[in-house]
């Protein structure tokens, strides 16, 4: 299970995009299941500054808090990933 240190919102966006892509989930589908627009999700994945996330990372960095993200990617040849995108 990969684990990386996330230092900025750009790092976090890259992880979201990589995991979504690896799980073959379309931006439209993920955004819809989360209740926001595809453009908003694209902004997250592109690391577009978001006031709340930028402030969060500024606070974490100032306090010396490290954030690590652990995620699972589908195995090669796995056609049944069982992932749900509805939050359940």
PDB file of N, CA and C in Angstrom:
ATOM      1  N   UNK A   1       0.857  -1.169   0.000  1.00  0.00           N
ATOM      2  CA  UNK A   1       0.000   0.000   0.000  1.00  0.00           C
ATOM      3  C   UNK A   1       0.907   1.236   0.000  1.00  0.00           C
ATOM      4  N   UNK A   2       0.855   2.049  -1.057  1.00  0.00           N
ATOM      5  CA  UNK A   2       1.699   3.240  -1.117  1.00  0.00           C
ATOM      6  C   UNK A   2       1.341   4.246  -0.024  1.00  0.00           C
ATOM      7  N   UNK A   3       2.358   4.933   0.451  1.00  0.00           N
ATOM      8  CA  UNK A   3       2.172   5.990   1.428  1.00  0.00           C
ATOM      9  C   UNK A   3       3.143   7.111   1.077  1.00  0.00           C
ATOM     10  N   UNK A   4       2.642   8.334   1.003  1.00  0.00           N
ATOM     11  CA  UNK A   4       3.510   9.464   0.683  1.00  0.00           C
ATOM     12  C   UNK A   4       3.235  10.599   1.658  1.00  0.00           C
ATOM     13  N   UNK A   5       4.242  11.440   1.815  1.00  0.00           N
ATOM     14  CA  UNK A   5       4.080  12.621   2.654  1.00  0.00           C
ATOM     15  C   UNK A   5       3.497  13.734   1.791  1.00  0.00           C
ATOM     16  N   UNK A   6       2.492  14.379   2.309  1.00  0.00           N
ATOM     17  CA  UNK A   6       1.822  15.463   1.597  1.00  0.00           C
ATOM     18  C   UNK A   6       2.199  16.768   2.286  1.00  0.00           C
ATOM     19  N   UNK A   7       2.905  17.622   1.569  1.00  0.00           N
ATOM     20  CA  UNK A   7       3.357  18.882   2.153  1.00  0.00           C
ATOM     21  C   UNK A   7       2.540  20.082   1.702  1.00  0.00           C
ATOM     22  N   UNK A   8       1.886  19.964   0.555  1.00  0.00           N
ATOM     23  CA  UNK A   8       1.102  21.081   0.019  1.00  0.00           C
ATOM     24  C   UNK A   8      -0.207  20.560  -0.551  1.00  0.00           C
ATOM     25  N   UNK A   9      -1.123  21.476  -0.820  1.00  0.00           N
ATOM     26  CA  UNK A   9      -2.382  21.080  -1.447  1.00  0.00           C
ATOM     27  C   UNK A   9      -2.143  20.535  -2.840  1.00  0.00           C
ATOM     28  N   UNK A  10      -1.054  20.945  -3.500  1.00  0.00           N
ATOM     29  CA  UNK A  10      -0.732  20.404  -4.827  1.00  0.00           C
ATOM     30  C   UNK A  10      -0.396  18.916  -4.729  1.00  0.00           C
ATOM     31  N   UNK A  11       0.346  18.555  -3.682  1.00  0.00           N
ATOM     32  CA  UNK A  11       0.680  17.142  -3.462  1.00  0.00           C
ATOM     33  C   UNK A  11      -0.593  16.323  -3.266  1.00  0.00           C
ATOM     34  N   UNK A  12      -1.496  16.854  -2.470  1.00  0.00           N
ATOM     35  CA  UNK A  12      -2.743  16.148  -2.184  1.00  0.00           C
ATOM     36  C   UNK A  12      -3.579  16.000  -3.454  1.00  0.00           C
ATOM     37  N   UNK A  13      -3.640  17.038  -4.262  1.00  0.00           N
ATOM     38  CA  UNK A  13      -4.376  16.978  -5.527  1.00  0.00           C
ATOM     39  C   UNK A  13      -3.827  15.921  -6.458  1.00  0.00           C
ATOM     40  N   UNK A  14      -2.498  15.805  -6.498  1.00  0.00           N
ATOM     41  CA  UNK A  14      -1.865  14.795  -7.356  1.00  0.00           C
ATOM     42  C   UNK A  14      -2.237  13.382  -6.902  1.00  0.00           C
ATOM     43  N   UNK A  15      -2.325  13.178  -5.592  1.00  0.00           N
ATOM     44  CA  UNK A  15      -2.714  11.868  -5.071  1.00  0.00           C
ATOM     45  C   UNK A  15      -4.160  11.561  -5.442  1.00  0.00           C
ATOM     46  N   UNK A  16      -5.043  12.533  -5.261  1.00  0.00           N
ATOM     47  CA  UNK A  16      -6.454  12.343  -5.611  1.00  0.00           C
ATOM     48  C   UNK A  16      -6.575  11.947  -7.075  1.00  0.00           C
ATOM     49  N   UNK A  17      -5.890  12.663  -7.933  1.00  0.00           N
ATOM     50  CA  UNK A  17      -5.957  12.382  -9.371  1.00  0.00           C
ATOM     51  C   UNK A  17      -5.395  11.001  -9.698  1.00  0.00           C
ATOM     52  N   UNK A  18      -4.251  10.650  -9.120  1.00  0.00           N
ATOM     53  CA  UNK A  18      -3.621   9.358  -9.412  1.00  0.00           C
ATOM     54  C   UNK A  18      -4.499   8.192  -8.963  1.00  0.00           C
ATOM     55  N   UNK A  19      -5.069   8.302  -7.774  1.00  0.00           N
ATOM     56  CA  UNK A  19      -5.905   7.213  -7.266  1.00  0.00           C
ATOM     57  C   UNK A  19      -7.202   7.118  -8.060  1.00  0.00           C
ATOM     58  N   UNK A  20      -7.816   8.260  -8.352  1.00  0.00           N
ATOM     59  CA  UNK A  20      -9.056   8.248  -9.152  1.00  0.00           C
ATOM     60  C   UNK A  20      -8.794   7.619 -10.512  1.00  0.00           C
ATOM     61  N   UNK A  21      -7.710   8.017 -11.148  1.00  0.00           N
ATOM     62  CA  UNK A  21      -7.379   7.480 -12.472  1.00  0.00           C
ATOM     63  C   UNK A  21      -7.084   5.985 -12.414  1.00  0.00           C
ATOM     64  N   UNK A  22      -6.310   5.569 -11.420  1.00  0.00           N
ATOM     65  CA  UNK A  22      -5.954   4.159 -11.289  1.00  0.00           C
ATOM     66  C   UNK A  22      -7.193   3.297 -11.058  1.00  0.00           C
ATOM     67  N   UNK A  23      -8.193   3.861 -10.419  1.00  0.00           N
ATOM     68  CA  UNK A  23      -9.429   3.115 -10.159  1.00  0.00           C
ATOM     69  C   UNK A  23     -10.444   3.272 -11.284  1.00  0.00           C
ATOM     70  N   UNK A  24     -10.031   3.948 -12.351  1.00  0.00           N
ATOM     71  CA  UNK A  24     -10.874   4.145 -13.532  1.00  0.00           C
ATOM     72  C   UNK A  24     -12.203   4.825 -13.180  1.00  0.00           C
ATOM     73  N   UNK A  25     -12.127   5.806 -12.305  1.00  0.00           N
ATOM     74  CA  UNK A  25     -13.310   6.595 -11.953  1.00  0.00           C
ATOM     75  C   UNK A  25     -13.218   7.912 -12.717  1.00  0.00           C
ATOM     76  N   UNK A  26     -14.251   8.233 -13.438  1.00  0.00           N
ATOM     77  CA  UNK A  26     -14.266   9.485 -14.198  1.00  0.00           C
ATOM     78  C   UNK A  26     -14.459  10.675 -13.258  1.00  0.00           C
ATOM     79  N   UNK A  27     -13.854  11.806 -13.632  1.00  0.00           N
ATOM     80  CA  UNK A  27     -14.020  13.031 -12.844  1.00  0.00           C
ATOM     81  C   UNK A  27     -15.486  13.358 -12.650  1.00  0.00           C
ATOM     82  N   UNK A  28     -16.253  13.247 -13.716  1.00  0.00           N
ATOM     83  CA  UNK A  28     -17.674  13.579 -13.646  1.00  0.00           C
ATOM     84  C   UNK A  28     -18.398  12.735 -12.599  1.00  0.00           C
ATOM     85  N   UNK A  29     -18.088  11.438 -12.586  1.00  0.00           N
ATOM     86  CA  UNK A  29     -18.755  10.532 -11.663  1.00  0.00           C
ATOM     87  C   UNK A  29     -18.372  10.813 -10.216  1.00  0.00           C
ATOM     88  N   UNK A  30     -17.086  11.026  -9.972  1.00  0.00           N
ATOM     89  CA  UNK A  30     -16.640  11.310  -8.613  1.00  0.00           C
ATOM     90  C   UNK A  30     -17.216  12.631  -8.116  1.00  0.00           C
ATOM     91  N   UNK A  31     -17.135  13.656  -8.955  1.00  0.00           N
ATOM     92  CA  UNK A  31     -17.658  14.970  -8.561  1.00  0.00           C
ATOM     93  C   UNK A  31     -19.149  14.890  -8.255  1.00  0.00           C
ATOM     94  N   UNK A  32     -19.888  14.221  -9.103  1.00  0.00           N
ATOM     95  CA  UNK A  32     -21.330  14.093  -8.891  1.00  0.00           C
ATOM     96  C   UNK A  32     -21.630  13.370  -7.581  1.00  0.00           C
ATOM     97  N   UNK A  33     -20.882  12.305  -7.304  1.00  0.00           N
ATOM     98  CA  UNK A  33     -21.126  11.544  -6.077  1.00  0.00           C
ATOM     99  C   UNK A  33     -20.793  12.353  -4.830  1.00  0.00           C
ATOM    100  N   UNK A  34     -19.919  13.343  -4.979  1.00  0.00           N
ATOM    101  CA  UNK A  34     -19.528  14.189  -3.854  1.00  0.00           C
ATOM    102  C   UNK A  34     -20.367  15.459  -3.749  1.00  0.00           C
ATOM    103  N   UNK A  35     -21.166  15.721  -4.770  1.00  0.00           N
ATOM    104  CA  UNK A  35     -22.052  16.877  -4.734  1.00  0.00           C
ATOM    105  C   UNK A  35     -21.411  18.183  -5.136  1.00  0.00           C
ATOM    106  N   UNK A  36     -20.370  18.110  -5.961  1.00  0.00           N
ATOM    107  CA  UNK A  36     -19.837  19.342  -6.510  1.00  0.00           C
ATOM    108  C   UNK A  36     -19.479  19.174  -7.978  1.00  0.00           C
ATOM    109  N   UNK A  37     -19.093  20.271  -8.612  1.00  0.00           N
ATOM    110  CA  UNK A  37     -18.895  20.265 -10.053  1.00  0.00           C
ATOM    111  C   UNK A  37     -17.582  19.602 -10.458  1.00  0.00           C
ATOM    112  N   UNK A  38     -17.549  19.175 -11.706  1.00  0.00           N
ATOM    113  CA  UNK A  38     -16.320  18.603 -12.258  1.00  0.00           C
ATOM    114  C   UNK A  38     -15.212  19.642 -12.259  1.00  0.00           C
ATOM    115  N   UNK A  39     -15.536  20.902 -12.524  1.00  0.00           N
ATOM    116  CA  UNK A  39     -14.526  21.961 -12.511  1.00  0.00           C
ATOM    117  C   UNK A  39     -13.892  22.113 -11.133  1.00  0.00           C
ATOM    118  N   UNK A  40     -14.704  21.987 -10.089  1.00  0.00           N
ATOM    119  CA  UNK A  40     -14.161  22.082  -8.727  1.00  0.00           C
ATOM    120  C   UNK A  40     -13.201  20.922  -8.463  1.00  0.00           C
ATOM    121  N   UNK A  41     -13.593  19.700  -8.862  1.00  0.00           N
ATOM    122  CA  UNK A  41     -12.722  18.542  -8.692  1.00  0.00           C
ATOM    123  C   UNK A  41     -11.446  18.714  -9.505  1.00  0.00           C
ATOM    124  N   UNK A  42     -11.563  19.205 -10.714  1.00  0.00           N
ATOM    125  CA  UNK A  42     -10.385  19.437 -11.555  1.00  0.00           C
ATOM    126  C   UNK A  42      -9.437  20.410 -10.849  1.00  0.00           C
ATOM    127  N   UNK A  43     -10.002  21.445 -10.222  1.00  0.00           N
ATOM    128  CA  UNK A  43      -9.177  22.395  -9.478  1.00  0.00           C
ATOM    129  C   UNK A  43      -8.428  21.722  -8.331  1.00  0.00           C
ATOM    130  N   UNK A  44      -9.098  20.826  -7.632  1.00  0.00           N
ATOM    131  CA  UNK A  44      -8.441  20.085  -6.549  1.00  0.00           C
ATOM    132  C   UNK A  44      -7.291  19.263  -7.112  1.00  0.00           C
ATOM    133  N   UNK A  45      -7.568  18.514  -8.171  1.00  0.00           N
ATOM    134  CA  UNK A  45      -6.548  17.651  -8.757  1.00  0.00           C
ATOM    135  C   UNK A  45      -5.380  18.439  -9.334  1.00  0.00           C
ATOM    136  N   UNK A  46      -5.643  19.623  -9.852  1.00  0.00           N
ATOM    137  CA  UNK A  46      -4.582  20.453 -10.419  1.00  0.00           C
ATOM    138  C   UNK A  46      -3.819  21.234  -9.355  1.00  0.00           C
ATOM    139  N   UNK A  47      -4.262  21.125  -8.094  1.00  0.00           N
ATOM    140  CA  UNK A  47      -3.584  21.843  -7.025  1.00  0.00           C
ATOM    141  C   UNK A  47      -3.907  23.316  -7.006  1.00  0.00           C
ATOM    142  N   UNK A  48      -5.054  23.671  -7.589  1.00  0.00           N
ATOM    143  CA  UNK A  48      -5.477  25.066  -7.607  1.00  0.00           C
ATOM    144  C   UNK A  48      -5.707  25.534  -6.168  1.00  0.00           C
ATOM    145  N   UNK A  49      -5.128  26.658  -5.822  1.00  0.00           N
ATOM    146  CA  UNK A  49      -5.301  27.132  -4.437  1.00  0.00           C
ATOM    147  C   UNK A  49      -6.769  27.277  -4.062  1.00  0.00           C
ATOM    148  N   UNK A  50      -7.081  26.780  -2.916  1.00  0.00           N
ATOM    149  CA  UNK A  50      -8.415  26.860  -2.331  1.00  0.00           C
ATOM    150  C   UNK A  50      -8.193  27.499  -0.965  1.00  0.00           C
ATOM    151  N   UNK A  51      -8.920  28.536  -0.660  1.00  0.00           N
ATOM    152  CA  UNK A  51      -8.689  29.306   0.551  1.00  0.00           C
ATOM    153  C   UNK A  51      -8.613  28.423   1.794  1.00  0.00           C
ATOM    154  N   UNK A  52      -9.558  27.529   1.960  1.00  0.00           N
ATOM    155  CA  UNK A  52      -9.600  26.696   3.159  1.00  0.00           C
ATOM    156  C   UNK A  52      -8.438  25.711   3.214  1.00  0.00           C
ATOM    157  N   UNK A  53      -8.155  25.064   2.106  1.00  0.00           N
ATOM    158  CA  UNK A  53      -7.071  24.086   2.072  1.00  0.00           C
ATOM    159  C   UNK A  53      -5.728  24.793   2.217  1.00  0.00           C
ATOM    160  N   UNK A  54      -5.567  25.940   1.583  1.00  0.00           N
ATOM    161  CA  UNK A  54      -4.317  26.691   1.706  1.00  0.00           C
ATOM    162  C   UNK A  54      -4.069  27.092   3.159  1.00  0.00           C
ATOM    163  N   UNK A  55      -5.094  27.550   3.832  1.00  0.00           N
ATOM    164  CA  UNK A  55      -4.950  27.914   5.251  1.00  0.00           C
ATOM    165  C   UNK A  55      -4.640  26.694   6.115  1.00  0.00           C
ATOM    166  N   UNK A  56      -5.282  25.579   5.799  1.00  0.00           N
ATOM    167  CA  UNK A  56      -5.028  24.355   6.545  1.00  0.00           C
ATOM    168  C   UNK A  56      -3.558  23.961   6.429  1.00  0.00           C
ATOM    169  N   UNK A  57      -3.026  23.935   5.211  1.00  0.00           N
ATOM    170  CA  UNK A  57      -1.638  23.533   5.027  1.00  0.00           C
ATOM    171  C   UNK A  57      -0.676  24.550   5.621  1.00  0.00           C
ATOM    172  N   UNK A  58      -1.014  25.816   5.570  1.00  0.00           N
ATOM    173  CA  UNK A  58      -0.178  26.839   6.223  1.00  0.00           C
ATOM    174  C   UNK A  58      -0.101  26.568   7.723  1.00  0.00           C
ATOM    175  N   UNK A  59      -1.239  26.244   8.315  1.00  0.00           N
ATOM    176  CA  UNK A  59      -1.290  25.948   9.746  1.00  0.00           C
ATOM    177  C   UNK A  59      -0.488  24.697  10.071  1.00  0.00           C
ATOM    178  N   UNK A  60      -0.696  23.640   9.306  1.00  0.00           N
ATOM    179  CA  UNK A  60       0.035  22.395   9.532  1.00  0.00           C
ATOM    180  C   UNK A  60       1.540  22.617   9.427  1.00  0.00           C
ATOM    181  N   UNK A  61       1.964  23.330   8.388  1.00  0.00           N
ATOM    182  CA  UNK A  61       3.396  23.582   8.196  1.00  0.00           C
ATOM    183  C   UNK A  61       3.972  24.414   9.333  1.00  0.00           C
ATOM    184  N   UNK A  62       3.249  25.429   9.755  1.00  0.00           N
ATOM    185  CA  UNK A  62       3.729  26.292  10.838  1.00  0.00           C
ATOM    186  C   UNK A  62       3.912  25.495  12.128  1.00  0.00           C
ATOM    187  N   UNK A  63       3.030  24.532  12.374  1.00  0.00           N
ATOM    188  CA  UNK A  63       3.093  23.728  13.588  1.00  0.00           C
ATOM    189  C   UNK A  63       4.003  22.506  13.446  1.00  0.00           C
ATOM    190  N   UNK A  64       4.544  22.315  12.247  1.00  0.00           N
ATOM    191  CA  UNK A  64       5.431  21.177  12.032  1.00  0.00           C
ATOM    192  C   UNK A  64       4.703  19.847  11.976  1.00  0.00           C
ATOM    193  N   UNK A  65       3.431  19.889  11.589  1.00  0.00           N
ATOM    194  CA  UNK A  65       2.640  18.662  11.495  1.00  0.00           C
ATOM    195  C   UNK A  65       2.837  18.059  10.107  1.00  0.00           C
ATOM    196  N   UNK A  66       3.184  16.780  10.074  1.00  0.00           N
ATOM    197  CA  UNK A  66       3.355  16.072   8.807  1.00  0.00           C
ATOM    198  C   UNK A  66       2.102  15.263   8.510  1.00  0.00           C
ATOM    199  N   UNK A  67       1.705  15.289   7.272  1.00  0.00           N
ATOM    200  CA  UNK A  67       0.531  14.543   6.835  1.00  0.00           C
ATOM    201  C   UNK A  67       0.996  13.474   5.852  1.00  0.00           C
ATOM    202  N   UNK A  68       0.640  12.238   6.130  1.00  0.00           N
ATOM    203  CA  UNK A  68       0.933  11.146   5.216  1.00  0.00           C
ATOM    204  C   UNK A  68      -0.383  10.592   4.707  1.00  0.00           C
ATOM    205  N   UNK A  69      -0.396  10.256   3.443  1.00  0.00           N
ATOM    206  CA  UNK A  69      -1.589   9.703   2.811  1.00  0.00           C
ATOM    207  C   UNK A  69      -1.257   8.287   2.369  1.00  0.00           C
ATOM    208  N   UNK A  70      -2.099   7.361   2.769  1.00  0.00           N
ATOM    209  CA  UNK A  70      -1.954   5.965   2.383  1.00  0.00           C
ATOM    210  C   UNK A  70      -3.153   5.592   1.522  1.00  0.00           C
ATOM    211  N   UNK A  71      -2.900   4.900   0.438  1.00  0.00           N
ATOM    212  CA  UNK A  71      -3.986   4.562  -0.477  1.00  0.00           C
ATOM    213  C   UNK A  71      -3.720   3.226  -1.133  1.00  0.00           C
ATOM    214  N   UNK A  72      -4.785   2.637  -1.647  1.00  0.00           N
ATOM    215  CA  UNK A  72      -4.676   1.372  -2.350  1.00  0.00           C
ATOM    216  C   UNK A  72      -4.964   1.585  -3.819  1.00  0.00           C
ATOM    217  N   UNK A  73      -4.174   0.946  -4.648  1.00  0.00           N
ATOM    218  CA  UNK A  73      -4.390   0.960  -6.086  1.00  0.00           C
ATOM    219  C   UNK A  73      -4.789  -0.441  -6.514  1.00  0.00           C
ATOM    220  N   UNK A  74      -5.598  -0.552  -7.569  1.00  0.00           N
ATOM    221  CA  UNK A  74      -5.983  -1.884  -8.026  1.00  0.00           C
ATOM    222  C   UNK A  74      -4.763  -2.664  -8.511  1.00  0.00           C
ATOM    223  N   UNK A  75      -4.795  -3.971  -8.308  1.00  0.00           N
ATOM    224  CA  UNK A  75      -3.718  -4.837  -8.779  1.00  0.00           C
ATOM    225  C   UNK A  75      -3.830  -5.003 -10.292  1.00  0.00           C
ATOM    226  N   UNK A  76      -2.719  -5.254 -10.937  1.00  0.00           N
ATOM    227  CA  UNK A  76      -2.711  -5.485 -12.383  1.00  0.00           C
ATOM    228  C   UNK A  76      -3.654  -6.636 -12.711  1.00  0.00           C
ATOM    229  N   UNK A  77      -4.524  -6.428 -13.665  1.00  0.00           N
ATOM    230  CA  UNK A  77      -5.462  -7.447 -14.090  1.00  0.00           C
ATOM    231  C   UNK A  77      -6.702  -7.554 -13.228  1.00  0.00           C
ATOM    232  N   UNK A  78      -6.809  -6.739 -12.202  1.00  0.00           N
ATOM    233  CA  UNK A  78      -7.974  -6.755 -11.314  1.00  0.00           C
ATOM    234  C   UNK A  78      -9.116  -6.021 -11.995  1.00  0.00           C
ATOM    235  N   UNK A  79     -10.144  -6.771 -12.381  1.00  0.00           N
ATOM    236  CA  UNK A  79     -11.283  -6.151 -13.062  1.00  0.00           C
ATOM    237  C   UNK A  79     -12.445  -5.905 -12.122  1.00  0.00           C
ATOM    238  N   UNK A  80     -12.335  -6.400 -10.907  1.00  0.00           N
ATOM    239  CA  UNK A  80     -13.401  -6.189  -9.920  1.00  0.00           C
ATOM    240  C   UNK A  80     -12.817  -5.431  -8.748  1.00  0.00           C
ATOM    241  N   UNK A  81     -12.836  -4.097  -8.828  1.00  0.00           N
ATOM    242  CA  UNK A  81     -12.193  -3.335  -7.767  1.00  0.00           C
ATOM    243  C   UNK A  81     -13.120  -3.081  -6.587  1.00  0.00           C
ATOM    244  N   UNK A  82     -14.416  -3.197  -6.759  1.00  0.00           N
ATOM    245  CA  UNK A  82     -15.334  -3.072  -5.640  1.00  0.00           C
ATOM    246  C   UNK A  82     -15.367  -1.701  -4.991  1.00  0.00           C
ATOM    247  N   UNK A  83     -14.660  -0.732  -5.536  1.00  0.00           N
ATOM    248  CA  UNK A  83     -14.668   0.603  -4.945  1.00  0.00           C
ATOM    249  C   UNK A  83     -16.018   1.250  -5.100  1.00  0.00           C
ATOM    250  N   UNK A  84     -16.417   1.959  -4.077  1.00  0.00           N
ATOM    251  CA  UNK A  84     -17.663   2.730  -4.129  1.00  0.00           C
ATOM    252  C   UNK A  84     -17.280   4.188  -4.044  1.00  0.00           C
ATOM    253  N   UNK A  85     -17.968   5.009  -4.798  1.00  0.00           N
ATOM    254  CA  UNK A  85     -17.659   6.424  -4.788  1.00  0.00           C
ATOM    255  C   UNK A  85     -18.761   7.236  -4.149  1.00  0.00           C
ATOM    256  N   UNK A  86     -19.670   6.558  -3.446  1.00  0.00           N
ATOM    257  CA  UNK A  86     -20.763   7.287  -2.837  1.00  0.00           C
ATOM    258  C   UNK A  86     -20.517   7.579  -1.366  1.00  0.00           C
ATOM    259  N   UNK A  87     -19.309   7.302  -0.882  1.00  0.00           N
ATOM    260  CA  UNK A  87     -18.968   7.621   0.485  1.00  0.00           C
ATOM    261  C   UNK A  87     -19.346   6.567   1.497  1.00  0.00           C
ATOM    262  N   UNK A  88     -19.979   5.484   1.063  1.00  0.00           N
ATOM    263  CA  UNK A  88     -20.382   4.414   1.989  1.00  0.00           C
ATOM    264  C   UNK A  88     -19.328   3.319   2.043  1.00  0.00           C
TER     265      UNK A  88
END
